[in-house]
Amino acid sequence: MKVAVKDACVLIDLANGGLLDAWFQLGIETFTTDLVLRQVKTADQWKAVSLFVEAGLLQIETLTGNQIERMSKSLAGLRIGIEDQSALFLAIERGAVLVTGDRRLRIEADKYEVEVRGLLWILDELVGHSVVAPTLAALKLQSMRDQGARLPKDECEKRLQLWTGGPASG
């Protein structure tokens, strides 16, 4: 079974787009750390995310003192915050895919040969596995962009055009 470790921006974007339920329908075992979870700030986002934590679908790992020490040694000098370090460390420890929207975290993960995916990959998976219809995926993508999701414009435009059958807007 494939394992994905998310950072907070992906959780927030999926919550904003109303796609957390769809993500968990894929059956992908999903982990994150308590440090990442603490970055989910607004009440609506927290309400959406916490349902999946309580259901055991989003598994939260609290790093032990030993793990934090190993993380500090193995990731020393990285120019990312401790929350992102914890997500990268968990991906390394579990041999997992790191799902993130953060460019700097992607760069650092590449140094450790960690497979990295992003929000657009999630949308592609949802459409590809017929969990979400293409037209709904286009609406959700536009909604997430409108709410501040930082995504590559050209890649978004390609998907919007593909999923709606016409030129993208926005």
N, C-alpha and C. Protein backbone atom coordinates (compact mmCIF):
# COMPACT_ATOMS: atom_id res chain seq x y z
N MET A 1 0.85 -1.19 0.00
CA MET A 1 0.00 0.00 0.00
C MET A 1 0.88 1.24 0.00
N LYS A 2 0.50 2.19 -0.78
CA LYS A 2 1.26 3.43 -0.90
C LYS A 2 1.04 4.30 0.32
N VAL A 3 2.08 4.95 0.76
CA VAL A 3 2.01 5.82 1.93
C VAL A 3 2.35 7.24 1.51
N ALA A 4 1.60 8.20 1.97
CA ALA A 4 1.87 9.61 1.67
C ALA A 4 1.99 10.38 2.97
N VAL A 5 2.93 11.28 3.03
CA VAL A 5 3.09 12.15 4.18
C VAL A 5 2.84 13.56 3.69
N LYS A 6 1.92 14.25 4.32
CA LYS A 6 1.52 15.57 3.83
C LYS A 6 2.09 16.67 4.71
N ASP A 7 2.26 17.82 4.10
CA ASP A 7 2.54 19.00 4.90
C ASP A 7 1.24 19.79 5.05
N ALA A 8 1.24 20.78 5.91
CA ALA A 8 0.01 21.48 6.26
C ALA A 8 -0.65 22.17 5.07
N CYS A 9 0.13 22.71 4.14
CA CYS A 9 -0.50 23.43 3.02
C CYS A 9 -1.37 22.51 2.18
N VAL A 10 -0.99 21.26 2.04
CA VAL A 10 -1.81 20.32 1.27
C VAL A 10 -3.10 20.01 2.03
N LEU A 11 -2.98 19.78 3.34
CA LEU A 11 -4.18 19.53 4.15
C LEU A 11 -5.12 20.72 4.09
N ILE A 12 -4.56 21.92 4.21
CA ILE A 12 -5.37 23.14 4.18
C ILE A 12 -6.05 23.31 2.83
N ASP A 13 -5.31 23.12 1.75
CA ASP A 13 -5.90 23.27 0.41
C ASP A 13 -7.01 22.24 0.18
N LEU A 14 -6.78 20.99 0.60
CA LEU A 14 -7.82 19.97 0.43
C LEU A 14 -9.04 20.30 1.28
N ALA A 15 -8.82 20.80 2.49
CA ALA A 15 -9.94 21.20 3.34
C ALA A 15 -10.70 22.35 2.70
N ASN A 16 -9.96 23.35 2.20
CA ASN A 16 -10.61 24.50 1.55
C ASN A 16 -11.40 24.08 0.32
N GLY A 17 -10.92 23.08 -0.38
CA GLY A 17 -11.59 22.61 -1.58
C GLY A 17 -12.66 21.56 -1.33
N GLY A 18 -12.82 21.17 -0.06
CA GLY A 18 -13.80 20.14 0.25
C GLY A 18 -13.45 18.78 -0.34
N LEU A 19 -12.15 18.48 -0.41
CA LEU A 19 -11.72 17.24 -1.06
C LEU A 19 -11.03 16.24 -0.12
N LEU A 20 -11.04 16.50 1.17
CA LEU A 20 -10.40 15.55 2.09
C LEU A 20 -11.08 14.19 2.03
N ASP A 21 -12.40 14.18 2.02
CA ASP A 21 -13.13 12.92 1.96
C ASP A 21 -12.76 12.15 0.69
N ALA A 22 -12.70 12.86 -0.42
CA ALA A 22 -12.34 12.22 -1.69
C ALA A 22 -10.93 11.63 -1.61
N TRP A 23 -9.99 12.35 -1.02
CA TRP A 23 -8.61 11.85 -0.88
C TRP A 23 -8.61 10.52 -0.14
N PHE A 24 -9.33 10.45 0.97
CA PHE A 24 -9.30 9.22 1.76
C PHE A 24 -10.06 8.09 1.10
N GLN A 25 -10.91 8.39 0.13
CA GLN A 25 -11.58 7.33 -0.63
C GLN A 25 -10.58 6.57 -1.51
N LEU A 26 -9.44 7.16 -1.78
CA LEU A 26 -8.43 6.47 -2.59
C LEU A 26 -7.78 5.31 -1.83
N GLY A 27 -7.92 5.31 -0.51
CA GLY A 27 -7.35 4.23 0.29
C GLY A 27 -5.85 4.32 0.49
N ILE A 28 -5.30 5.49 0.29
CA ILE A 28 -3.86 5.69 0.47
C ILE A 28 -3.61 5.96 1.95
N GLU A 29 -2.77 5.14 2.55
CA GLU A 29 -2.42 5.31 3.96
C GLU A 29 -1.71 6.65 4.11
N THR A 30 -2.23 7.49 4.99
CA THR A 30 -1.75 8.87 5.07
C THR A 30 -1.29 9.19 6.48
N PHE A 31 -0.08 9.69 6.59
CA PHE A 31 0.53 10.06 7.86
C PHE A 31 0.95 11.52 7.83
N THR A 32 1.02 12.12 8.98
CA THR A 32 1.69 13.40 9.14
C THR A 32 2.14 13.48 10.60
N THR A 33 2.81 14.55 10.95
CA THR A 33 3.26 14.70 12.33
C THR A 33 2.38 15.70 13.07
N ASP A 34 2.46 15.63 14.38
CA ASP A 34 1.69 16.57 15.19
C ASP A 34 2.16 18.00 14.95
N LEU A 35 3.42 18.17 14.61
CA LEU A 35 3.94 19.52 14.32
C LEU A 35 3.27 20.10 13.08
N VAL A 36 3.07 19.27 12.06
CA VAL A 36 2.39 19.72 10.85
C VAL A 36 0.93 20.01 11.15
N LEU A 37 0.30 19.13 11.90
CA LEU A 37 -1.12 19.29 12.21
C LEU A 37 -1.40 20.60 12.93
N ARG A 38 -0.47 21.04 13.75
CA ARG A 38 -0.65 22.30 14.49
C ARG A 38 -0.70 23.52 13.57
N GLN A 39 -0.29 23.37 12.31
CA GLN A 39 -0.33 24.49 11.38
C GLN A 39 -1.71 24.70 10.77
N VAL A 40 -2.62 23.76 11.00
CA VAL A 40 -3.99 23.93 10.52
C VAL A 40 -4.66 24.88 11.50
N LYS A 41 -4.92 26.10 11.05
CA LYS A 41 -5.28 27.18 11.98
C LYS A 41 -6.76 27.52 12.07
N THR A 42 -7.45 27.64 10.95
CA THR A 42 -8.82 28.15 11.03
C THR A 42 -9.76 27.07 11.54
N ALA A 43 -10.86 27.49 12.13
CA ALA A 43 -11.82 26.57 12.72
C ALA A 43 -12.41 25.63 11.66
N ASP A 44 -12.75 26.16 10.49
CA ASP A 44 -13.32 25.33 9.43
C ASP A 44 -12.34 24.28 8.94
N GLN A 45 -11.08 24.70 8.75
CA GLN A 45 -10.06 23.75 8.30
C GLN A 45 -9.83 22.68 9.37
N TRP A 46 -9.73 23.11 10.63
CA TRP A 46 -9.50 22.17 11.72
C TRP A 46 -10.64 21.17 11.84
N LYS A 47 -11.87 21.67 11.71
CA LYS A 47 -13.05 20.80 11.80
C LYS A 47 -12.98 19.73 10.71
N ALA A 48 -12.65 20.14 9.49
CA ALA A 48 -12.58 19.20 8.37
C ALA A 48 -11.47 18.17 8.58
N VAL A 49 -10.29 18.62 8.98
CA VAL A 49 -9.14 17.72 9.14
C VAL A 49 -9.34 16.80 10.35
N SER A 50 -9.83 17.34 11.45
CA SER A 50 -9.93 16.55 12.68
C SER A 50 -10.88 15.35 12.54
N LEU A 51 -11.88 15.45 11.68
CA LEU A 51 -12.78 14.31 11.45
C LEU A 51 -11.99 13.09 10.95
N PHE A 52 -11.03 13.33 10.10
CA PHE A 52 -10.24 12.24 9.53
C PHE A 52 -9.17 11.75 10.50
N VAL A 53 -8.72 12.64 11.39
CA VAL A 53 -7.80 12.22 12.45
C VAL A 53 -8.55 11.30 13.41
N GLU A 54 -9.74 11.73 13.83
CA GLU A 54 -10.55 10.94 14.76
C GLU A 54 -10.93 9.59 14.17
N ALA A 55 -11.16 9.54 12.88
CA ALA A 55 -11.53 8.29 12.20
C ALA A 55 -10.31 7.39 11.98
N GLY A 56 -9.10 7.89 12.25
CA GLY A 56 -7.89 7.11 12.06
C GLY A 56 -7.41 7.06 10.61
N LEU A 57 -8.03 7.84 9.75
CA LEU A 57 -7.63 7.86 8.34
C LEU A 57 -6.39 8.73 8.13
N LEU A 58 -6.30 9.83 8.87
CA LEU A 58 -5.10 10.66 8.88
C LEU A 58 -4.37 10.33 10.17
N GLN A 59 -3.29 9.58 10.04
CA GLN A 59 -2.56 9.10 11.21
C GLN A 59 -1.51 10.14 11.61
N ILE A 60 -1.54 10.50 12.88
CA ILE A 60 -0.64 11.53 13.40
C ILE A 60 0.46 10.87 14.20
N GLU A 61 1.68 11.22 13.88
CA GLU A 61 2.83 10.70 14.62
C GLU A 61 3.47 11.82 15.41
N THR A 62 3.64 11.56 16.70
CA THR A 62 4.37 12.47 17.57
C THR A 62 5.79 11.93 17.65
N LEU A 63 6.74 12.73 17.20
CA LEU A 63 8.13 12.28 17.20
C LEU A 63 8.65 12.15 18.62
N THR A 64 9.34 11.06 18.88
CA THR A 64 9.94 10.84 20.20
C THR A 64 11.20 11.69 20.32
N GLY A 65 11.72 11.78 21.52
CA GLY A 65 12.97 12.51 21.74
C GLY A 65 14.09 11.95 20.89
N ASN A 66 14.15 10.62 20.78
CA ASN A 66 15.17 9.96 19.97
C ASN A 66 15.01 10.34 18.50
N GLN A 67 13.77 10.33 18.02
CA GLN A 67 13.52 10.69 16.62
C GLN A 67 13.87 12.15 16.36
N ILE A 68 13.54 13.02 17.28
CA ILE A 68 13.86 14.45 17.11
C ILE A 68 15.37 14.64 17.06
N GLU A 69 16.09 13.90 17.89
CA GLU A 69 17.56 13.98 17.89
C GLU A 69 18.11 13.50 16.55
N ARG A 70 17.60 12.35 16.06
CA ARG A 70 18.03 11.83 14.76
C ARG A 70 17.67 12.80 13.63
N MET A 71 16.48 13.40 13.72
CA MET A 71 16.06 14.36 12.71
C MET A 71 17.00 15.56 12.71
N SER A 72 17.33 16.06 13.88
CA SER A 72 18.22 17.22 13.99
C SER A 72 19.59 16.93 13.38
N LYS A 73 20.09 15.73 13.59
CA LYS A 73 21.40 15.35 13.05
C LYS A 73 21.32 15.12 11.54
N SER A 74 20.33 14.37 11.11
CA SER A 74 20.29 14.00 9.69
C SER A 74 19.84 15.14 8.78
N LEU A 75 19.07 16.08 9.32
CA LEU A 75 18.58 17.18 8.51
C LEU A 75 19.20 18.52 8.90
N ALA A 76 20.32 18.46 9.59
CA ALA A 76 20.99 19.69 10.04
C ALA A 76 21.32 20.59 8.86
N GLY A 77 21.09 21.86 9.02
CA GLY A 77 21.47 22.83 8.00
C GLY A 77 20.42 23.08 6.93
N LEU A 78 19.31 22.36 6.97
CA LEU A 78 18.28 22.60 5.97
C LEU A 78 17.58 23.93 6.26
N ARG A 79 17.22 24.60 5.19
CA ARG A 79 16.58 25.91 5.35
C ARG A 79 15.06 25.78 5.26
N ILE A 80 14.52 24.89 6.11
CA ILE A 80 13.07 24.72 6.23
C ILE A 80 12.73 24.67 7.71
N GLY A 81 11.51 25.00 8.04
CA GLY A 81 11.07 24.99 9.43
C GLY A 81 10.98 23.59 10.01
N ILE A 82 10.85 23.53 11.32
CA ILE A 82 10.82 22.24 12.01
C ILE A 82 9.59 21.42 11.59
N GLU A 83 8.51 22.08 11.28
CA GLU A 83 7.31 21.36 10.84
C GLU A 83 7.60 20.62 9.53
N ASP A 84 8.19 21.34 8.57
CA ASP A 84 8.54 20.72 7.30
C ASP A 84 9.63 19.67 7.47
N GLN A 85 10.57 19.93 8.38
CA GLN A 85 11.59 18.92 8.66
C GLN A 85 10.95 17.64 9.18
N SER A 86 9.93 17.79 10.03
CA SER A 86 9.29 16.60 10.60
C SER A 86 8.58 15.79 9.52
N ALA A 87 7.95 16.47 8.55
CA ALA A 87 7.28 15.77 7.45
C ALA A 87 8.32 15.05 6.58
N LEU A 88 9.42 15.72 6.28
CA LEU A 88 10.48 15.10 5.48
C LEU A 88 11.09 13.92 6.24
N PHE A 89 11.34 14.09 7.52
CA PHE A 89 11.92 13.03 8.34
C PHE A 89 10.99 11.81 8.35
N LEU A 90 9.70 12.03 8.51
CA LEU A 90 8.74 10.94 8.53
C LEU A 90 8.71 10.22 7.18
N ALA A 91 8.78 10.98 6.10
CA ALA A 91 8.81 10.37 4.76
C ALA A 91 10.06 9.51 4.59
N ILE A 92 11.19 10.00 5.07
CA ILE A 92 12.45 9.24 4.99
C ILE A 92 12.35 7.98 5.83
N GLU A 93 11.89 8.13 7.08
CA GLU A 93 11.79 7.01 8.01
C GLU A 93 10.88 5.90 7.49
N ARG A 94 9.79 6.28 6.84
CA ARG A 94 8.80 5.31 6.39
C ARG A 94 8.97 4.92 4.92
N GLY A 95 9.94 5.53 4.25
CA GLY A 95 10.10 5.26 2.83
C GLY A 95 8.86 5.69 2.06
N ALA A 96 8.31 6.82 2.45
CA ALA A 96 7.02 7.27 1.93
C ALA A 96 7.16 8.37 0.91
N VAL A 97 6.10 8.56 0.17
CA VAL A 97 5.97 9.70 -0.74
C VAL A 97 5.68 10.92 0.13
N LEU A 98 6.33 12.02 -0.17
CA LEU A 98 6.06 13.28 0.52
C LEU A 98 5.14 14.11 -0.36
N VAL A 99 3.97 14.44 0.15
CA VAL A 99 3.03 15.26 -0.59
C VAL A 99 3.11 16.67 -0.01
N THR A 100 3.57 17.60 -0.83
CA THR A 100 3.77 18.97 -0.36
C THR A 100 3.56 19.96 -1.50
N GLY A 101 3.24 21.16 -1.12
CA GLY A 101 3.14 22.24 -2.08
C GLY A 101 4.25 23.26 -1.89
N ASP A 102 5.13 22.99 -0.95
CA ASP A 102 6.18 23.93 -0.60
C ASP A 102 7.43 23.69 -1.47
N ARG A 103 7.82 24.70 -2.23
CA ARG A 103 8.96 24.57 -3.16
C ARG A 103 10.26 24.25 -2.43
N ARG A 104 10.53 24.94 -1.35
CA ARG A 104 11.80 24.70 -0.63
C ARG A 104 11.83 23.27 -0.07
N LEU A 105 10.70 22.81 0.45
CA LEU A 105 10.64 21.44 0.98
C LEU A 105 10.87 20.44 -0.14
N ARG A 106 10.33 20.70 -1.31
CA ARG A 106 10.56 19.83 -2.47
C ARG A 106 12.06 19.74 -2.80
N ILE A 107 12.71 20.89 -2.80
CA ILE A 107 14.15 20.94 -3.12
C ILE A 107 14.94 20.12 -2.10
N GLU A 108 14.62 20.31 -0.83
CA GLU A 108 15.34 19.58 0.22
C GLU A 108 15.05 18.08 0.14
N ALA A 109 13.80 17.70 -0.14
CA ALA A 109 13.44 16.29 -0.25
C ALA A 109 14.19 15.62 -1.39
N ASP A 110 14.38 16.34 -2.49
CA ASP A 110 15.13 15.79 -3.63
C ASP A 110 16.54 15.39 -3.22
N LYS A 111 17.15 16.15 -2.32
CA LYS A 111 18.51 15.85 -1.85
C LYS A 111 18.57 14.50 -1.15
N TYR A 112 17.44 14.09 -0.57
CA TYR A 112 17.37 12.82 0.16
C TYR A 112 16.70 11.73 -0.67
N GLU A 113 16.50 12.01 -1.96
CA GLU A 113 15.90 11.08 -2.90
C GLU A 113 14.52 10.61 -2.44
N VAL A 114 13.76 11.53 -1.84
CA VAL A 114 12.39 11.24 -1.43
C VAL A 114 11.47 11.61 -2.59
N GLU A 115 10.58 10.69 -2.95
CA GLU A 115 9.61 10.97 -4.00
C GLU A 115 8.65 12.05 -3.50
N VAL A 116 8.46 13.07 -4.32
CA VAL A 116 7.62 14.20 -3.93
C VAL A 116 6.49 14.37 -4.93
N ARG A 117 5.30 14.59 -4.42
CA ARG A 117 4.12 14.87 -5.22
C ARG A 117 3.44 16.09 -4.63
N GLY A 118 2.49 16.64 -5.38
CA GLY A 118 1.79 17.84 -4.92
C GLY A 118 0.29 17.75 -5.08
N LEU A 119 -0.36 18.86 -4.85
CA LEU A 119 -1.81 18.94 -4.89
C LEU A 119 -2.37 18.57 -6.26
N LEU A 120 -1.70 18.97 -7.33
CA LEU A 120 -2.19 18.64 -8.67
C LEU A 120 -2.14 17.13 -8.91
N TRP A 121 -1.15 16.47 -8.37
CA TRP A 121 -1.08 15.01 -8.45
C TRP A 121 -2.29 14.39 -7.75
N ILE A 122 -2.64 14.94 -6.58
CA ILE A 122 -3.81 14.43 -5.86
C ILE A 122 -5.05 14.57 -6.74
N LEU A 123 -5.23 15.73 -7.34
CA LEU A 123 -6.39 15.93 -8.21
C LEU A 123 -6.36 14.96 -9.39
N ASP A 124 -5.19 14.76 -9.98
CA ASP A 124 -5.06 13.79 -11.07
C ASP A 124 -5.47 12.40 -10.61
N GLU A 125 -5.05 12.01 -9.42
CA GLU A 125 -5.40 10.70 -8.87
C GLU A 125 -6.91 10.59 -8.65
N LEU A 126 -7.50 11.65 -8.11
CA LEU A 126 -8.95 11.64 -7.85
C LEU A 126 -9.74 11.48 -9.14
N VAL A 127 -9.31 12.19 -10.18
CA VAL A 127 -9.98 12.08 -11.48
C VAL A 127 -9.67 10.72 -12.12
N GLY A 128 -8.41 10.32 -12.08
CA GLY A 128 -7.99 9.07 -12.69
C GLY A 128 -8.63 7.83 -12.10
N HIS A 129 -8.96 7.88 -10.82
CA HIS A 129 -9.62 6.75 -10.15
C HIS A 129 -11.14 6.95 -10.06
N SER A 130 -11.65 7.93 -10.80
CA SER A 130 -13.09 8.22 -10.87
C SER A 130 -13.72 8.48 -9.50
N VAL A 131 -12.93 9.04 -8.58
CA VAL A 131 -13.47 9.44 -7.28
C VAL A 131 -14.16 10.79 -7.42
N VAL A 132 -13.60 11.63 -8.28
CA VAL A 132 -14.15 12.96 -8.56
C VAL A 132 -14.28 13.10 -10.08
N ALA A 133 -15.43 13.58 -10.52
CA ALA A 133 -15.63 13.82 -11.95
C ALA A 133 -14.73 14.96 -12.41
N PRO A 134 -14.27 14.92 -13.64
CA PRO A 134 -13.38 15.98 -14.14
C PRO A 134 -13.95 17.39 -13.98
N THR A 135 -15.24 17.58 -14.26
CA THR A 135 -15.81 18.92 -14.14
C THR A 135 -15.81 19.39 -12.68
N LEU A 136 -16.05 18.48 -11.74
CA LEU A 136 -16.00 18.83 -10.32
C LEU A 136 -14.56 19.13 -9.91
N ALA A 137 -13.62 18.36 -10.41
CA ALA A 137 -12.20 18.61 -10.11
C ALA A 137 -11.81 20.02 -10.57
N ALA A 138 -12.29 20.41 -11.75
CA ALA A 138 -12.00 21.76 -12.26
C ALA A 138 -12.58 22.83 -11.33
N LEU A 139 -13.80 22.63 -10.88
CA LEU A 139 -14.42 23.59 -9.95
C LEU A 139 -13.66 23.66 -8.63
N LYS A 140 -13.26 22.51 -8.12
CA LYS A 140 -12.52 22.46 -6.85
C LYS A 140 -11.14 23.10 -7.01
N LEU A 141 -10.48 22.83 -8.12
CA LEU A 141 -9.18 23.43 -8.38
C LEU A 141 -9.30 24.95 -8.41
N GLN A 142 -10.29 25.45 -9.13
CA GLN A 142 -10.48 26.90 -9.19
C GLN A 142 -10.80 27.47 -7.81
N SER A 143 -11.61 26.76 -7.05
CA SER A 143 -11.95 27.21 -5.69
C SER A 143 -10.71 27.27 -4.81
N MET A 144 -9.86 26.26 -4.88
CA MET A 144 -8.63 26.26 -4.08
C MET A 144 -7.70 27.39 -4.50
N ARG A 145 -7.62 27.64 -5.80
CA ARG A 145 -6.80 28.77 -6.28
C ARG A 145 -7.37 30.09 -5.76
N ASP A 146 -8.69 30.23 -5.80
CA ASP A 146 -9.33 31.46 -5.33
C ASP A 146 -9.09 31.69 -3.84
N GLN A 147 -8.88 30.60 -3.11
CA GLN A 147 -8.65 30.69 -1.66
C GLN A 147 -7.17 30.76 -1.30
N GLY A 148 -6.33 30.91 -2.31
CA GLY A 148 -4.91 31.16 -2.04
C GLY A 148 -3.96 30.01 -2.24
N ALA A 149 -4.42 28.88 -2.77
CA ALA A 149 -3.50 27.77 -3.02
C ALA A 149 -2.44 28.23 -4.02
N ARG A 150 -1.19 28.00 -3.67
CA ARG A 150 -0.08 28.38 -4.56
C ARG A 150 0.27 27.21 -5.45
N LEU A 151 -0.18 27.32 -6.70
CA LEU A 151 0.00 26.24 -7.66
C LEU A 151 0.54 26.82 -8.97
N PRO A 152 1.28 26.02 -9.72
CA PRO A 152 1.82 26.51 -11.00
C PRO A 152 0.68 26.82 -11.98
N LYS A 153 0.62 28.07 -12.41
CA LYS A 153 -0.48 28.54 -13.24
C LYS A 153 -0.63 27.72 -14.52
N ASP A 154 0.48 27.46 -15.22
CA ASP A 154 0.38 26.74 -16.50
C ASP A 154 -0.17 25.33 -16.31
N GLU A 155 0.24 24.64 -15.25
CA GLU A 155 -0.26 23.29 -14.99
C GLU A 155 -1.74 23.31 -14.61
N CYS A 156 -2.13 24.33 -13.86
CA CYS A 156 -3.55 24.49 -13.51
C CYS A 156 -4.38 24.73 -14.77
N GLU A 157 -3.88 25.60 -15.63
CA GLU A 157 -4.61 25.92 -16.86
C GLU A 157 -4.79 24.68 -17.73
N LYS A 158 -3.75 23.84 -17.83
CA LYS A 158 -3.84 22.62 -18.62
C LYS A 158 -4.96 21.72 -18.09
N ARG A 159 -5.00 21.56 -16.77
CA ARG A 159 -6.01 20.70 -16.18
C ARG A 159 -7.40 21.29 -16.32
N LEU A 160 -7.52 22.57 -16.11
CA LEU A 160 -8.83 23.20 -16.24
C LEU A 160 -9.37 23.03 -17.65
N GLN A 161 -8.51 23.19 -18.63
CA GLN A 161 -8.93 23.01 -20.03
C GLN A 161 -9.29 21.55 -20.30
N LEU A 162 -8.46 20.63 -19.84
CA LEU A 162 -8.71 19.21 -20.04
C LEU A 162 -10.02 18.78 -19.39
N TRP A 163 -10.22 19.21 -18.15
CA TRP A 163 -11.37 18.74 -17.37
C TRP A 163 -12.68 19.42 -17.76
N THR A 164 -12.60 20.59 -18.36
CA THR A 164 -13.85 21.28 -18.75
C THR A 164 -14.10 21.18 -20.24
N GLY A 165 -13.10 20.74 -20.99
CA GLY A 165 -13.25 20.61 -22.43
C GLY A 165 -13.18 21.92 -23.17
N GLY A 166 -12.69 22.96 -22.51
CA GLY A 166 -12.59 24.26 -23.17
C GLY A 166 -11.47 25.07 -22.58
N PRO A 167 -11.32 26.31 -23.02
CA PRO A 167 -10.25 27.15 -22.48
C PRO A 167 -10.47 27.44 -21.00
N ALA A 168 -9.37 27.49 -20.26
CA ALA A 168 -9.43 27.77 -18.83
C ALA A 168 -9.66 29.25 -18.59
N SER A 169 -10.22 29.53 -17.45
CA SER A 169 -10.39 30.93 -17.05
C SER A 169 -9.74 31.13 -15.71
N GLY A 170 -9.27 32.34 -15.44
CA GLY A 170 -8.70 32.64 -14.12
C GLY A 170 -7.26 32.68 -14.20
